Structure formats: C-alpha cells, structure tokens
Amino acid sequence: MNQVPIVDFSAFTREDASEEERKRTAADVIDAFKNVGFLYLSGHGVSEDLVNETFNWSSKLFALPHETKMLAPHPPDGAYHRGYSGVGKEKVGQIDPTKEKGVVTSRKVPDVKESYEIGDETDMKLPNIWLPDDALPGFRAFTTKFYARMTLLARQLLLALGVGLDLPDPEFLLKAHTQERYQLRLLHYPPVPTKELRQGEKERIAAHTDFGTLTLLFQDSVGGLEVASPTDPTIFLPVAPIPGTVVVNVGDMLQRWTNDVFRSTMHRVRAPPPAQGEGDVTMPRYSIPFFISADDGTIVSCLPGCEGKMGPKYEPVNSREWSDARLRATY
C-alpha cells in the first residue's frame, strides 16, 4: 500500500486562487512532510510535454559514446557538482544528520548509475560544465530552459512552506534560497542483472536521505523508487510513478531547520517491480531530480514556531560548509 499522499498544488500555480485555498494547500503540504516526508505534487504547472522532452534529451545524452560524455567530466572535488559522472563514480551513503561536519559513509559499493549535473548559469563559483555544442546540439539551451522552469516551482514550494508553517515572514525560506544552490540532475540507471540487484550485490542507489532543503523528482514509468515506511523504517514501500505528478521530499537541512517537525525520510532505488524486471536484466531507468539548497552562508537554526517543549535540538550550522562535507563524501 502506498502511504505517500497526493497534494493538489494548483492553488500556488494559478493566479486566481484565494488566500484560503492557498492556506489549505499549504496545510496539506505541511501535514505530508510531518508524517511521511514525501508527497506527490499534482497541479504543479510543469507541462507533461516539457517533462517528456527532458526525458528525451536525457536519453540522447546518455546514449552518446563514453568518450564524448567525458568531454564534460565531473571534477574530482565532490562539492563541485557539475558535469558528467560515469557508472560507479558515486557512492551514495548516509551520515548522522545531527552532526555539523561528521560525515560517515555507510557503504563501499558504488552505485550503478550515470549522471549529468547542471546548476545556475550565472553561478561563477561553480560554473556549469557543458559538452561541446556540436556533441549534442540544443542540449544546453533546452536544459537551461527546464532549469528555469523548475526554479519557479521551487520558489512556489518554498513560499507554501512559509505559509503553512505560519512564519512571521512567509517569504523567509524563499529569501534564503536563490538559484545559486539549485541543481538539476539527469540520471540513467543502465540495465543490471536482476538477481544482483535483488540480492544486494549491486545498488541502483542505496538507502539514504537527501541533505539539502527539498528534492523534486520526475521518474519514468519503470519504477524502483522506495521510501521507508512512516510506521516501520525497516520496511520500504514503492513510490510508483503517477503521471502528471512530481515527487517531493524533505532533505536533512529542512528537517534540521524545523527542529525535526518535518521528516527527512530514508529512500532508495532498487530493482523495478516484478512485472518489469522478470528477465535476466532490468530495464534501463531514467529520472530527473531537482535539488533545492539554501544560499551560501545561510545560518540554519530553528524556525519560529518549531521549538517544541524542549527548545531547539540543534546548534546553528553554516549551510554551505555542512552540505559540502556531505557532497565530498559521495565521491
């Protein structure tokens, strides 16, 4: 049974919505983040045609010869998340999110996936690493357009959180997040022997939490995303693809910001459902996550109204230093 709720977000994506409609929608988002840490967002305003076209570009990108993709290599420094990473480059692990800089990976097996990272085109600290234009004509122009569209949705979500949490300044979180620390990732999971995935000999993406503020995820029809049950974290439930929705989940930074009011829930990518993975190898899978992180230098401390009876659980932390330590541990 799927325990991830569906929230209609159209009150924040259309101009004629009333204040009461927006408050109800924001309350639904808050409730989902408190109880599950995940939700499906419908009415998000990103057209199905645009999403499908992004998947098409992703497929064309990863179909290129390896030597062509390596013309835009991910730098050795894991904190510089740009460009192409080949299969086995990244090892997604898990740390204790209560620690400021104590990063401990929980696994040694690299993930069986390849990825391409894109950030804000105006970010001079971490400039994008692009393929030569003639390697995949139109790719840069299109993905830059898609990045801008996702940025708009990210800002609408951050505003909804401020409304739902009844912050003194509803735009507080919005003001703490500019395009500077957003990241678009194109992911390809190539075919893998089904037996090796089901027996844990190889991983698509191991169980982990995200470490930023929010993650938005479009996934193809293949499936494989699983989220820890709210009632028993040892049980993982499938988050099946639902057409017309985007999956949204809380990251460690937002859990910390809300003093554990929100859940940053463990999730993983495993073998597809049996109906699609009965052969010797799995089907290839594509997904498009968009990561939302706070601006450089943001000091993350307990939000007003989230103190609880015992007060703040965490010391204030510099968002950039904390997230960079996490990034470096994955490479």
C-alpha atoms as a PDB file:
ATOM      1  CA  MET A   1       0.000   0.000   0.000  1.00  0.00           C
ATOM      2  CA  ASN A   2       1.355   3.421  -0.976  1.00  0.00           C
ATOM      3  CA  GLN A   3       1.378   5.762   2.020  1.00  0.00           C
ATOM      4  CA  VAL A   4       2.745   8.764   0.116  1.00  0.00           C
ATOM      5  CA  PRO A   5      -0.078  11.337  -0.162  1.00  0.00           C
ATOM      6  CA  ILE A   6      -1.037  13.284  -3.282  1.00  0.00           C
ATOM      7  CA  VAL A   7      -1.358  17.051  -2.841  1.00  0.00           C
ATOM      8  CA  ASP A   8      -3.001  19.283  -5.449  1.00  0.00           C
ATOM      9  CA  PHE A   9      -0.695  22.311  -5.646  1.00  0.00           C
ATOM     10  CA  SER A  10      -2.684  24.314  -8.177  1.00  0.00           C
ATOM     11  CA  ALA A  11      -3.586  26.976  -5.601  1.00  0.00           C
ATOM     12  CA  PHE A  12       0.052  28.128  -5.772  1.00  0.00           C
ATOM     13  CA  THR A  13       0.430  27.842  -9.555  1.00  0.00           C
ATOM     14  CA  ARG A  14      -2.641  29.794 -10.694  1.00  0.00           C
ATOM     15  CA  GLU A  15      -3.216  33.493 -10.186  1.00  0.00           C
ATOM     16  CA  ASP A  16      -6.921  33.367  -9.272  1.00  0.00           C
ATOM     17  CA  ALA A  17      -6.533  31.165  -6.160  1.00  0.00           C
ATOM     18  CA  SER A  18      -7.876  32.647  -2.934  1.00  0.00           C
ATOM     19  CA  GLU A  19      -5.830  33.094   0.217  1.00  0.00           C
ATOM     20  CA  GLU A  20      -7.956  30.428   1.886  1.00  0.00           C
ATOM     21  CA  GLU A  21      -7.225  27.943  -0.912  1.00  0.00           C
ATOM     22  CA  ARG A  22      -3.516  28.583  -0.556  1.00  0.00           C
ATOM     23  CA  LYS A  23      -3.654  28.086   3.194  1.00  0.00           C
ATOM     24  CA  ARG A  24      -5.452  24.753   2.783  1.00  0.00           C
ATOM     25  CA  THR A  25      -2.926  23.577   0.208  1.00  0.00           C
ATOM     26  CA  ALA A  26      -0.011  24.697   2.369  1.00  0.00           C
ATOM     27  CA  ALA A  27      -1.514  22.828   5.326  1.00  0.00           C
ATOM     28  CA  ASP A  28      -1.696  19.655   3.213  1.00  0.00           C
ATOM     29  CA  VAL A  29       1.989  20.007   2.304  1.00  0.00           C
ATOM     30  CA  ILE A  30       2.955  20.543   5.937  1.00  0.00           C
ATOM     31  CA  ASP A  31       0.930  17.513   7.037  1.00  0.00           C
ATOM     32  CA  ALA A  32       2.624  15.274   4.458  1.00  0.00           C
ATOM     33  CA  PHE A  33       6.096  16.474   5.428  1.00  0.00           C
ATOM     34  CA  LYS A  34       5.375  15.921   9.124  1.00  0.00           C
ATOM     35  CA  ASN A  35       4.020  12.407   8.727  1.00  0.00           C
ATOM     36  CA  VAL A  36       5.826  10.934   5.726  1.00  0.00           C
ATOM     37  CA  GLY A  37       8.473  13.365   4.490  1.00  0.00           C
ATOM     38  CA  PHE A  38       7.353  12.610   0.928  1.00  0.00           C
ATOM     39  CA  LEU A  39       4.430  13.622  -1.265  1.00  0.00           C
ATOM     40  CA  TYR A  40       3.219  13.525  -4.845  1.00  0.00           C
ATOM     41  CA  LEU A  41       2.519  17.017  -6.159  1.00  0.00           C
ATOM     42  CA  SER A  42      -0.188  17.375  -8.798  1.00  0.00           C
ATOM     43  CA  GLY A  43      -1.225  20.673 -10.346  1.00  0.00           C
ATOM     44  CA  HIS A  44       2.422  21.765 -10.249  1.00  0.00           C
ATOM     45  CA  GLY A  45       2.294  23.659 -13.530  1.00  0.00           C
ATOM     46  CA  VAL A  46       5.204  21.944 -15.307  1.00  0.00           C
ATOM     47  CA  SER A  47       3.718  20.670 -18.550  1.00  0.00           C
ATOM     48  CA  GLU A  48       3.829  16.979 -19.377  1.00  0.00           C
ATOM     49  CA  ASP A  49       5.268  17.846 -22.788  1.00  0.00           C
ATOM     50  CA  LEU A  50       8.179  19.678 -21.175  1.00  0.00           C
ATOM     51  CA  VAL A  51       8.880  16.788 -18.813  1.00  0.00           C
ATOM     52  CA  ASN A  52       8.735  14.246 -21.643  1.00  0.00           C
ATOM     53  CA  GLU A  53      11.064  16.359 -23.751  1.00  0.00           C
ATOM     54  CA  THR A  54      13.526  16.482 -20.862  1.00  0.00           C
ATOM     55  CA  PHE A  55      13.490  12.691 -20.647  1.00  0.00           C
ATOM     56  CA  ASN A  56      14.119  12.551 -24.400  1.00  0.00           C
ATOM     57  CA  TRP A  57      17.161  14.809 -24.070  1.00  0.00           C
ATOM     58  CA  SER A  58      18.401  12.720 -21.165  1.00  0.00           C
ATOM     59  CA  SER A  59      18.104   9.555 -23.245  1.00  0.00           C
ATOM     60  CA  LYS A  60      20.035  11.150 -26.110  1.00  0.00           C
ATOM     61  CA  LEU A  61      22.733  12.363 -23.723  1.00  0.00           C
ATOM     62  CA  PHE A  62      23.399   9.004 -22.111  1.00  0.00           C
ATOM     63  CA  ALA A  63      23.312   7.212 -25.474  1.00  0.00           C
ATOM     64  CA  LEU A  64      26.428   9.139 -26.525  1.00  0.00           C
ATOM     65  CA  PRO A  65      29.759   7.295 -26.564  1.00  0.00           C
ATOM     66  CA  HIS A  66      31.553   7.340 -23.218  1.00  0.00           C
ATOM     67  CA  GLU A  67      34.450   9.355 -24.619  1.00  0.00           C
ATOM     68  CA  THR A  68      32.008  12.027 -25.803  1.00  0.00           C
ATOM     69  CA  LYS A  69      30.299  12.273 -22.413  1.00  0.00           C
ATOM     70  CA  MET A  70      33.725  12.565 -20.788  1.00  0.00           C
ATOM     71  CA  LEU A  71      34.248  15.850 -22.638  1.00  0.00           C
ATOM     72  CA  ALA A  72      32.255  17.351 -19.737  1.00  0.00           C
ATOM     73  CA  PRO A  73      33.721  15.445 -16.763  1.00  0.00           C
ATOM     74  CA  HIS A  74      32.573  15.912 -13.166  1.00  0.00           C
ATOM     75  CA  PRO A  75      35.516  17.453 -11.251  1.00  0.00           C
ATOM     76  CA  PRO A  76      37.360  15.317  -8.660  1.00  0.00           C
ATOM     77  CA  ASP A  77      36.060  17.549  -5.850  1.00  0.00           C
ATOM     78  CA  GLY A  78      32.682  16.108  -4.872  1.00  0.00           C
ATOM     79  CA  ALA A  79      31.480  19.532  -3.719  1.00  0.00           C
ATOM     80  CA  TYR A  80      31.729  20.789  -7.324  1.00  0.00           C
ATOM     81  CA  HIS A  81      28.596  19.025  -8.585  1.00  0.00           C
ATOM     82  CA  ARG A  82      28.657  19.747 -12.312  1.00  0.00           C
ATOM     83  CA  GLY A  83      29.117  17.752 -15.497  1.00  0.00           C
ATOM     84  CA  TYR A  84      29.121  14.041 -16.265  1.00  0.00           C
ATOM     85  CA  SER A  85      29.779  11.179 -13.826  1.00  0.00           C
ATOM     86  CA  GLY A  86      30.120   7.650 -15.178  1.00  0.00           C
ATOM     87  CA  VAL A  87      28.811   4.393 -13.752  1.00  0.00           C
ATOM     88  CA  GLY A  88      30.409   3.597 -10.391  1.00  0.00           C
ATOM     89  CA  LYS A  89      31.722   7.121  -9.801  1.00  0.00           C
ATOM     90  CA  GLU A  90      29.356   7.962  -6.946  1.00  0.00           C
ATOM     91  CA  LYS A  91      28.699   6.141  -3.673  1.00  0.00           C
ATOM     92  CA  VAL A  92      25.594   7.500  -2.011  1.00  0.00           C
ATOM     93  CA  GLY A  93      25.781   6.770   1.699  1.00  0.00           C
ATOM     94  CA  GLN A  94      24.263   8.011   4.900  1.00  0.00           C
ATOM     95  CA  ILE A  95      25.517  10.109   7.809  1.00  0.00           C
ATOM     96  CA  ASP A  96      24.172  11.277  11.123  1.00  0.00           C
ATOM     97  CA  PRO A  97      22.372  14.494  10.098  1.00  0.00           C
ATOM     98  CA  THR A  98      22.621  15.829  13.665  1.00  0.00           C
ATOM     99  CA  LYS A  99      26.372  16.321  13.239  1.00  0.00           C
ATOM    100  CA  GLU A 100      27.695  19.517  11.691  1.00  0.00           C
ATOM    101  CA  LYS A 101      30.631  18.033   9.759  1.00  0.00           C
ATOM    102  CA  GLY A 102      30.856  14.416  10.857  1.00  0.00           C
ATOM    103  CA  VAL A 103      30.395  12.532   7.636  1.00  0.00           C
ATOM    104  CA  VAL A 104      30.435   8.752   7.808  1.00  0.00           C
ATOM    105  CA  THR A 105      29.626   6.725   4.716  1.00  0.00           C
ATOM    106  CA  SER A 106      27.679   3.554   5.373  1.00  0.00           C
ATOM    107  CA  ARG A 107      28.682   1.600   2.289  1.00  0.00           C
ATOM    108  CA  LYS A 108      31.559   0.873  -0.075  1.00  0.00           C
ATOM    109  CA  VAL A 109      29.767  -0.379  -3.191  1.00  0.00           C
ATOM    110  CA  PRO A 110      29.464   2.262  -5.947  1.00  0.00           C
ATOM    111  CA  ASP A 111      26.036   2.970  -7.413  1.00  0.00           C
ATOM    112  CA  VAL A 112      25.197   1.521 -10.836  1.00  0.00           C
ATOM    113  CA  LYS A 113      24.143   4.744 -12.499  1.00  0.00           C
ATOM    114  CA  GLU A 114      25.483   7.648 -14.531  1.00  0.00           C
ATOM    115  CA  SER A 115      24.534  11.289 -14.128  1.00  0.00           C
ATOM    116  CA  TYR A 116      24.873  14.800 -15.501  1.00  0.00           C
ATOM    117  CA  GLU A 117      24.709  17.819 -13.175  1.00  0.00           C
ATOM    118  CA  ILE A 118      23.541  21.314 -14.122  1.00  0.00           C
ATOM    119  CA  GLY A 119      23.405  24.425 -11.946  1.00  0.00           C
ATOM    120  CA  ASP A 120      22.590  28.095 -12.352  1.00  0.00           C
ATOM    121  CA  GLU A 121      24.194  29.544 -15.486  1.00  0.00           C
ATOM    122  CA  THR A 122      25.058  32.749 -13.596  1.00  0.00           C
ATOM    123  CA  ASP A 123      26.899  30.935 -10.788  1.00  0.00           C
ATOM    124  CA  MET A 124      30.535  31.934 -11.225  1.00  0.00           C
ATOM    125  CA  LYS A 125      31.684  29.974  -8.157  1.00  0.00           C
ATOM    126  CA  LEU A 126      30.533  26.667  -9.638  1.00  0.00           C
ATOM    127  CA  PRO A 127      30.192  27.248 -13.389  1.00  0.00           C
ATOM    128  CA  ASN A 128      28.435  24.634 -15.437  1.00  0.00           C
ATOM    129  CA  ILE A 129      30.496  22.102 -17.360  1.00  0.00           C
ATOM    130  CA  TRP A 130      28.939  21.631 -20.771  1.00  0.00           C
ATOM    131  CA  LEU A 131      29.520  19.272 -23.643  1.00  0.00           C
ATOM    132  CA  PRO A 132      30.772  20.988 -26.808  1.00  0.00           C
ATOM    133  CA  ASP A 133      27.758  22.312 -28.702  1.00  0.00           C
ATOM    134  CA  ASP A 134      28.402  20.040 -31.663  1.00  0.00           C
ATOM    135  CA  ALA A 135      28.388  16.925 -29.433  1.00  0.00           C
ATOM    136  CA  LEU A 136      24.664  17.328 -28.682  1.00  0.00           C
ATOM    137  CA  PRO A 137      23.229  20.403 -30.424  1.00  0.00           C
ATOM    138  CA  GLY A 138      20.405  22.063 -28.494  1.00  0.00           C
ATOM    139  CA  PHE A 139      21.092  20.250 -25.210  1.00  0.00           C
ATOM    140  CA  ARG A 140      22.444  23.261 -23.343  1.00  0.00           C
ATOM    141  CA  ALA A 141      19.673  25.602 -24.486  1.00  0.00           C
ATOM    142  CA  PHE A 142      16.914  23.157 -23.590  1.00  0.00           C
ATOM    143  CA  THR A 143      18.204  22.097 -20.166  1.00  0.00           C
ATOM    144  CA  THR A 144      18.801  25.735 -19.239  1.00  0.00           C
ATOM    145  CA  LYS A 145      15.131  26.407 -20.052  1.00  0.00           C
ATOM    146  CA  PHE A 146      13.982  23.421 -17.997  1.00  0.00           C
ATOM    147  CA  TYR A 147      16.186  24.531 -15.084  1.00  0.00           C
ATOM    148  CA  ALA A 148      14.492  27.940 -15.124  1.00  0.00           C
ATOM    149  CA  ARG A 149      11.031  26.334 -15.090  1.00  0.00           C
ATOM    150  CA  MET A 150      11.938  24.132 -12.139  1.00  0.00           C
ATOM    151  CA  THR A 151      13.315  27.156 -10.313  1.00  0.00           C
ATOM    152  CA  LEU A 152       9.873  28.759 -10.492  1.00  0.00           C
ATOM    153  CA  LEU A 153       8.230  25.661  -8.984  1.00  0.00           C
ATOM    154  CA  ALA A 154      10.889  25.547  -6.264  1.00  0.00           C
ATOM    155  CA  ARG A 155      10.123  29.129  -5.285  1.00  0.00           C
ATOM    156  CA  GLN A 156       6.388  28.404  -5.168  1.00  0.00           C
ATOM    157  CA  LEU A 157       7.035  25.451  -2.860  1.00  0.00           C
ATOM    158  CA  LEU A 158       9.253  27.479  -0.536  1.00  0.00           C
ATOM    159  CA  LEU A 159       6.526  30.107  -0.280  1.00  0.00           C
ATOM    160  CA  ALA A 160       3.965  27.397   0.511  1.00  0.00           C
ATOM    161  CA  LEU A 161       6.172  26.176   3.361  1.00  0.00           C
ATOM    162  CA  GLY A 162       6.357  29.665   4.825  1.00  0.00           C
ATOM    163  CA  VAL A 163       2.574  29.971   4.654  1.00  0.00           C
ATOM    164  CA  GLY A 164       1.955  26.504   6.073  1.00  0.00           C
ATOM    165  CA  LEU A 165       4.417  26.939   8.943  1.00  0.00           C
ATOM    166  CA  ASP A 166       2.826  30.333   9.698  1.00  0.00           C
ATOM    167  CA  LEU A 167       6.236  32.013   9.783  1.00  0.00           C
ATOM    168  CA  PRO A 168       6.268  35.710  10.797  1.00  0.00           C
ATOM    169  CA  ASP A 169       7.642  36.379   7.315  1.00  0.00           C
ATOM    170  CA  PRO A 170       6.023  33.852   4.934  1.00  0.00           C
ATOM    171  CA  GLU A 171       8.822  34.557   2.432  1.00  0.00           C
ATOM    172  CA  PHE A 172      11.624  33.747   4.897  1.00  0.00           C
ATOM    173  CA  LEU A 173      12.568  30.428   3.285  1.00  0.00           C
ATOM    174  CA  LEU A 174      12.099  31.873  -0.181  1.00  0.00           C
ATOM    175  CA  LYS A 175      14.581  34.640   0.648  1.00  0.00           C
ATOM    176  CA  ALA A 176      17.089  32.069   1.948  1.00  0.00           C
ATOM    177  CA  HIS A 177      17.064  30.217  -1.382  1.00  0.00           C
ATOM    178  CA  THR A 178      18.082  31.746  -4.688  1.00  0.00           C
ATOM    179  CA  GLN A 179      19.040  29.916  -7.878  1.00  0.00           C
ATOM    180  CA  GLU A 180      22.645  29.841  -6.674  1.00  0.00           C
ATOM    181  CA  ARG A 181      22.351  26.497  -4.874  1.00  0.00           C
ATOM    182  CA  TYR A 182      19.779  24.727  -7.024  1.00  0.00           C
ATOM    183  CA  GLN A 183      20.872  21.678  -9.001  1.00  0.00           C
ATOM    184  CA  LEU A 184      19.294  19.799 -11.901  1.00  0.00           C
ATOM    185  CA  ARG A 185      20.455  16.210 -12.278  1.00  0.00           C
ATOM    186  CA  LEU A 186      19.809  13.858 -15.174  1.00  0.00           C
ATOM    187  CA  LEU A 187      20.106  10.216 -14.115  1.00  0.00           C
ATOM    188  CA  HIS A 188      20.382   6.990 -16.086  1.00  0.00           C
ATOM    189  CA  TYR A 189      20.341   3.542 -14.494  1.00  0.00           C
ATOM    190  CA  PRO A 190      21.622   1.113 -17.151  1.00  0.00           C
ATOM    191  CA  PRO A 191      20.400  -2.497 -17.365  1.00  0.00           C
ATOM    192  CA  VAL A 192      21.686  -4.662 -14.492  1.00  0.00           C
ATOM    193  CA  PRO A 193      21.231  -8.398 -13.824  1.00  0.00           C
ATOM    194  CA  THR A 194      18.023  -8.545 -11.815  1.00  0.00           C
ATOM    195  CA  LYS A 195      19.404 -11.152  -9.434  1.00  0.00           C
ATOM    196  CA  GLU A 196      22.333  -8.928  -8.435  1.00  0.00           C
ATOM    197  CA  LEU A 197      20.025  -6.051  -7.513  1.00  0.00           C
ATOM    198  CA  ARG A 198      17.554  -8.171  -5.576  1.00  0.00           C
ATOM    199  CA  GLN A 199      20.346  -9.863  -3.606  1.00  0.00           C
ATOM    200  CA  GLY A 200      22.090  -6.569  -2.852  1.00  0.00           C
ATOM    201  CA  GLU A 201      25.251  -7.405  -4.795  1.00  0.00           C
ATOM    202  CA  LYS A 202      24.832  -4.169  -6.712  1.00  0.00           C
ATOM    203  CA  GLU A 203      22.920  -0.975  -5.964  1.00  0.00           C
ATOM    204  CA  ARG A 204      20.939   1.445  -8.050  1.00  0.00           C
ATOM    205  CA  ILE A 205      21.038   3.981  -5.191  1.00  0.00           C
ATOM    206  CA  ALA A 206      21.471   2.720  -1.642  1.00  0.00           C
ATOM    207  CA  ALA A 207      19.201   3.792   1.211  1.00  0.00           C
ATOM    208  CA  HIS A 208      19.937   7.403   2.111  1.00  0.00           C
ATOM    209  CA  THR A 209      18.406  10.754   2.920  1.00  0.00           C
ATOM    210  CA  ASP A 210      18.932  13.891   0.843  1.00  0.00           C
ATOM    211  CA  PHE A 211      20.916  16.589   2.577  1.00  0.00           C
ATOM    212  CA  GLY A 212      19.515  19.818   1.156  1.00  0.00           C
ATOM    213  CA  THR A 213      16.193  21.543   1.759  1.00  0.00           C
ATOM    214  CA  LEU A 214      13.881  19.832  -0.742  1.00  0.00           C
ATOM    215  CA  THR A 215      14.147  17.459  -3.686  1.00  0.00           C
ATOM    216  CA  LEU A 216      11.722  17.378  -6.617  1.00  0.00           C
ATOM    217  CA  LEU A 217      11.765  14.213  -8.713  1.00  0.00           C
ATOM    218  CA  PHE A 218      10.312  13.220 -12.057  1.00  0.00           C
ATOM    219  CA  GLN A 219      10.646   9.479 -12.728  1.00  0.00           C
ATOM    220  CA  ASP A 220       9.909   7.420 -15.809  1.00  0.00           C
ATOM    221  CA  SER A 221       7.463   4.512 -15.943  1.00  0.00           C
ATOM    222  CA  VAL A 222       9.972   1.812 -14.953  1.00  0.00           C
ATOM    223  CA  GLY A 223       9.771   2.300 -11.187  1.00  0.00           C
ATOM    224  CA  GLY A 224      12.198   1.321  -8.452  1.00  0.00           C
ATOM    225  CA  LEU A 225      11.992   4.242  -6.004  1.00  0.00           C
ATOM    226  CA  GLU A 226      11.203   3.092  -2.456  1.00  0.00           C
ATOM    227  CA  VAL A 227      10.634   5.067   0.745  1.00  0.00           C
ATOM    228  CA  ALA A 228      10.903   3.901   4.345  1.00  0.00           C
ATOM    229  CA  SER A 229       7.522   3.292   5.966  1.00  0.00           C
ATOM    230  CA  PRO A 230       6.446   6.003   8.443  1.00  0.00           C
ATOM    231  CA  THR A 231       5.457   3.266  10.911  1.00  0.00           C
ATOM    232  CA  ASP A 232       8.382   0.870  10.409  1.00  0.00           C
ATOM    233  CA  PRO A 233      11.619   2.291   8.922  1.00  0.00           C
ATOM    234  CA  THR A 234      12.915  -1.220   8.197  1.00  0.00           C
ATOM    235  CA  ILE A 235      10.171  -1.657   5.591  1.00  0.00           C
ATOM    236  CA  PHE A 236      10.500   0.131   2.245  1.00  0.00           C
ATOM    237  CA  LEU A 237       7.391   0.954   0.228  1.00  0.00           C
ATOM    238  CA  PRO A 238       7.338   1.555  -3.541  1.00  0.00           C
ATOM    239  CA  VAL A 239       6.759   5.104  -4.735  1.00  0.00           C
ATOM    240  CA  ALA A 240       5.203   4.133  -8.042  1.00  0.00           C
ATOM    241  CA  PRO A 241       5.260   6.652 -10.893  1.00  0.00           C
ATOM    242  CA  ILE A 242       1.994   8.609 -11.159  1.00  0.00           C
ATOM    243  CA  PRO A 243       1.557  10.508 -14.444  1.00  0.00           C
ATOM    244  CA  GLY A 244       1.181  14.256 -14.048  1.00  0.00           C
ATOM    245  CA  THR A 245       2.856  14.405 -10.636  1.00  0.00           C
ATOM    246  CA  VAL A 246       6.279  15.263  -9.286  1.00  0.00           C
ATOM    247  CA  VAL A 247       7.581  13.564  -6.135  1.00  0.00           C
ATOM    248  CA  VAL A 248       8.787  15.976  -3.442  1.00  0.00           C
ATOM    249  CA  ASN A 249      10.728  15.033  -0.324  1.00  0.00           C
ATOM    250  CA  VAL A 250      12.230  16.764   2.695  1.00  0.00           C
ATOM    251  CA  GLY A 251      16.022  16.965   2.995  1.00  0.00           C
ATOM    252  CA  ASP A 252      18.164  16.823   6.135  1.00  0.00           C
ATOM    253  CA  MET A 253      18.644  20.592   6.145  1.00  0.00           C
ATOM    254  CA  LEU A 254      14.909  21.251   6.281  1.00  0.00           C
ATOM    255  CA  GLN A 255      14.441  18.631   8.997  1.00  0.00           C
ATOM    256  CA  ARG A 256      17.100  20.468  10.989  1.00  0.00           C
ATOM    257  CA  TRP A 257      15.557  23.865  10.221  1.00  0.00           C
ATOM    258  CA  THR A 258      12.181  22.659  11.513  1.00  0.00           C
ATOM    259  CA  ASN A 259      13.680  21.015  14.611  1.00  0.00           C
ATOM    260  CA  ASP A 260      12.540  17.565  13.414  1.00  0.00           C
ATOM    261  CA  VAL A 261       8.968  18.720  12.795  1.00  0.00           C
ATOM    262  CA  PHE A 262       9.493  17.548   9.208  1.00  0.00           C
ATOM    263  CA  ARG A 263      10.894  14.110   8.332  1.00  0.00           C
ATOM    264  CA  SER A 264      13.881  13.610   6.074  1.00  0.00           C
ATOM    265  CA  THR A 265      12.961  10.050   5.177  1.00  0.00           C
ATOM    266  CA  MET A 266      15.263   7.258   4.040  1.00  0.00           C
ATOM    267  CA  HIS A 267      14.716   6.192   0.440  1.00  0.00           C
ATOM    268  CA  ARG A 268      16.469   4.099  -2.183  1.00  0.00           C
ATOM    269  CA  VAL A 269      16.281   2.882  -5.772  1.00  0.00           C
ATOM    270  CA  ARG A 270      16.135  -0.878  -6.157  1.00  0.00           C
ATOM    271  CA  ALA A 271      15.089  -3.400  -8.787  1.00  0.00           C
ATOM    272  CA  PRO A 272      11.911  -2.470 -10.690  1.00  0.00           C
ATOM    273  CA  PRO A 273       8.616  -4.181  -9.790  1.00  0.00           C
ATOM    274  CA  PRO A 274       8.479  -7.878 -10.795  1.00  0.00           C
ATOM    275  CA  ALA A 275       6.268  -7.291 -13.824  1.00  0.00           C
ATOM    276  CA  GLN A 276       9.040  -5.181 -15.341  1.00  0.00           C
ATOM    277  CA  GLY A 277      12.082  -6.993 -14.016  1.00  0.00           C
ATOM    278  CA  GLU A 278      11.426 -10.684 -14.574  1.00  0.00           C
ATOM    279  CA  GLY A 279      14.062 -11.148 -17.266  1.00  0.00           C
ATOM    280  CA  ASP A 280      17.773 -11.668 -16.844  1.00  0.00           C
ATOM    281  CA  VAL A 281      18.377  -7.916 -16.721  1.00  0.00           C
ATOM    282  CA  THR A 282      16.355  -4.933 -15.605  1.00  0.00           C
ATOM    283  CA  MET A 283      15.021  -2.287 -17.929  1.00  0.00           C
ATOM    284  CA  PRO A 284      17.002   0.959 -18.130  1.00  0.00           C
ATOM    285  CA  ARG A 285      15.590   3.664 -15.870  1.00  0.00           C
ATOM    286  CA  TYR A 286      15.739   7.447 -16.144  1.00  0.00           C
ATOM    287  CA  SER A 287      14.893  10.045 -13.518  1.00  0.00           C
ATOM    288  CA  ILE A 288      15.207  13.812 -13.153  1.00  0.00           C
ATOM    289  CA  PRO A 289      15.778  15.151  -9.630  1.00  0.00           C
ATOM    290  CA  PHE A 290      15.965  18.877  -8.886  1.00  0.00           C
ATOM    291  CA  PHE A 291      17.707  19.700  -5.612  1.00  0.00           C
ATOM    292  CA  ILE A 292      16.922  22.826  -3.589  1.00  0.00           C
ATOM    293  CA  SER A 293      19.561  24.050  -1.133  1.00  0.00           C
ATOM    294  CA  ALA A 294      19.984  27.251   0.857  1.00  0.00           C
ATOM    295  CA  ASP A 295      22.202  30.086  -0.329  1.00  0.00           C
ATOM    296  CA  ASP A 296      25.870  30.165   0.620  1.00  0.00           C
ATOM    297  CA  GLY A 297      26.452  31.478   4.116  1.00  0.00           C
ATOM    298  CA  THR A 298      22.898  30.835   5.309  1.00  0.00           C
ATOM    299  CA  ILE A 299      22.873  30.016   9.003  1.00  0.00           C
ATOM    300  CA  VAL A 300      20.325  27.289   9.588  1.00  0.00           C
ATOM    301  CA  SER A 301      18.734  27.478  13.025  1.00  0.00           C
ATOM    302  CA  CYS A 302      15.358  26.520  14.443  1.00  0.00           C
ATOM    303  CA  LEU A 303      12.471  28.247  12.662  1.00  0.00           C
ATOM    304  CA  PRO A 304       9.975  30.254  14.751  1.00  0.00           C
ATOM    305  CA  GLY A 305       7.174  28.018  15.986  1.00  0.00           C
ATOM    306  CA  CYS A 306       9.226  24.815  15.689  1.00  0.00           C
ATOM    307  CA  GLU A 307      10.975  24.998  19.076  1.00  0.00           C
ATOM    308  CA  GLY A 308       8.692  22.491  20.824  1.00  0.00           C
ATOM    309  CA  LYS A 309       8.619  21.982  24.592  1.00  0.00           C
ATOM    310  CA  MET A 310      12.340  21.176  24.818  1.00  0.00           C
ATOM    311  CA  GLY A 311      13.596  24.005  22.622  1.00  0.00           C
ATOM    312  CA  PRO A 312      15.957  23.725  19.630  1.00  0.00           C
ATOM    313  CA  LYS A 313      17.697  20.343  19.288  1.00  0.00           C
ATOM    314  CA  TYR A 314      20.496  21.541  17.017  1.00  0.00           C
ATOM    315  CA  GLU A 315      23.162  24.215  17.085  1.00  0.00           C
ATOM    316  CA  PRO A 316      23.079  26.705  14.204  1.00  0.00           C
ATOM    317  CA  VAL A 317      25.085  25.491  11.207  1.00  0.00           C
ATOM    318  CA  ASN A 318      26.506  27.096   8.061  1.00  0.00           C
ATOM    319  CA  SER A 319      24.564  25.549   5.194  1.00  0.00           C
ATOM    320  CA  ARG A 320      27.446  25.640   2.693  1.00  0.00           C
ATOM    321  CA  GLU A 321      30.020  24.027   4.987  1.00  0.00           C
ATOM    322  CA  TRP A 322      27.579  21.322   6.058  1.00  0.00           C
ATOM    323  CA  SER A 323      26.384  20.429   2.560  1.00  0.00           C
ATOM    324  CA  ASP A 324      29.884  20.499   1.035  1.00  0.00           C
ATOM    325  CA  ALA A 325      31.031  17.935   3.588  1.00  0.00           C
ATOM    326  CA  ARG A 326      28.151  15.700   2.528  1.00  0.00           C
ATOM    327  CA  LEU A 327      28.922  16.122  -1.158  1.00  0.00           C
ATOM    328  CA  ARG A 328      32.592  15.247  -0.770  1.00  0.00           C
ATOM    329  CA  ALA A 329      31.669  12.006   0.984  1.00  0.00           C
ATOM    330  CA  THR A 330      29.806  10.737  -2.081  1.00  0.00           C
ATOM    331  CA  TYR A 331      32.828  10.784  -4.416  1.00  0.00           C
END
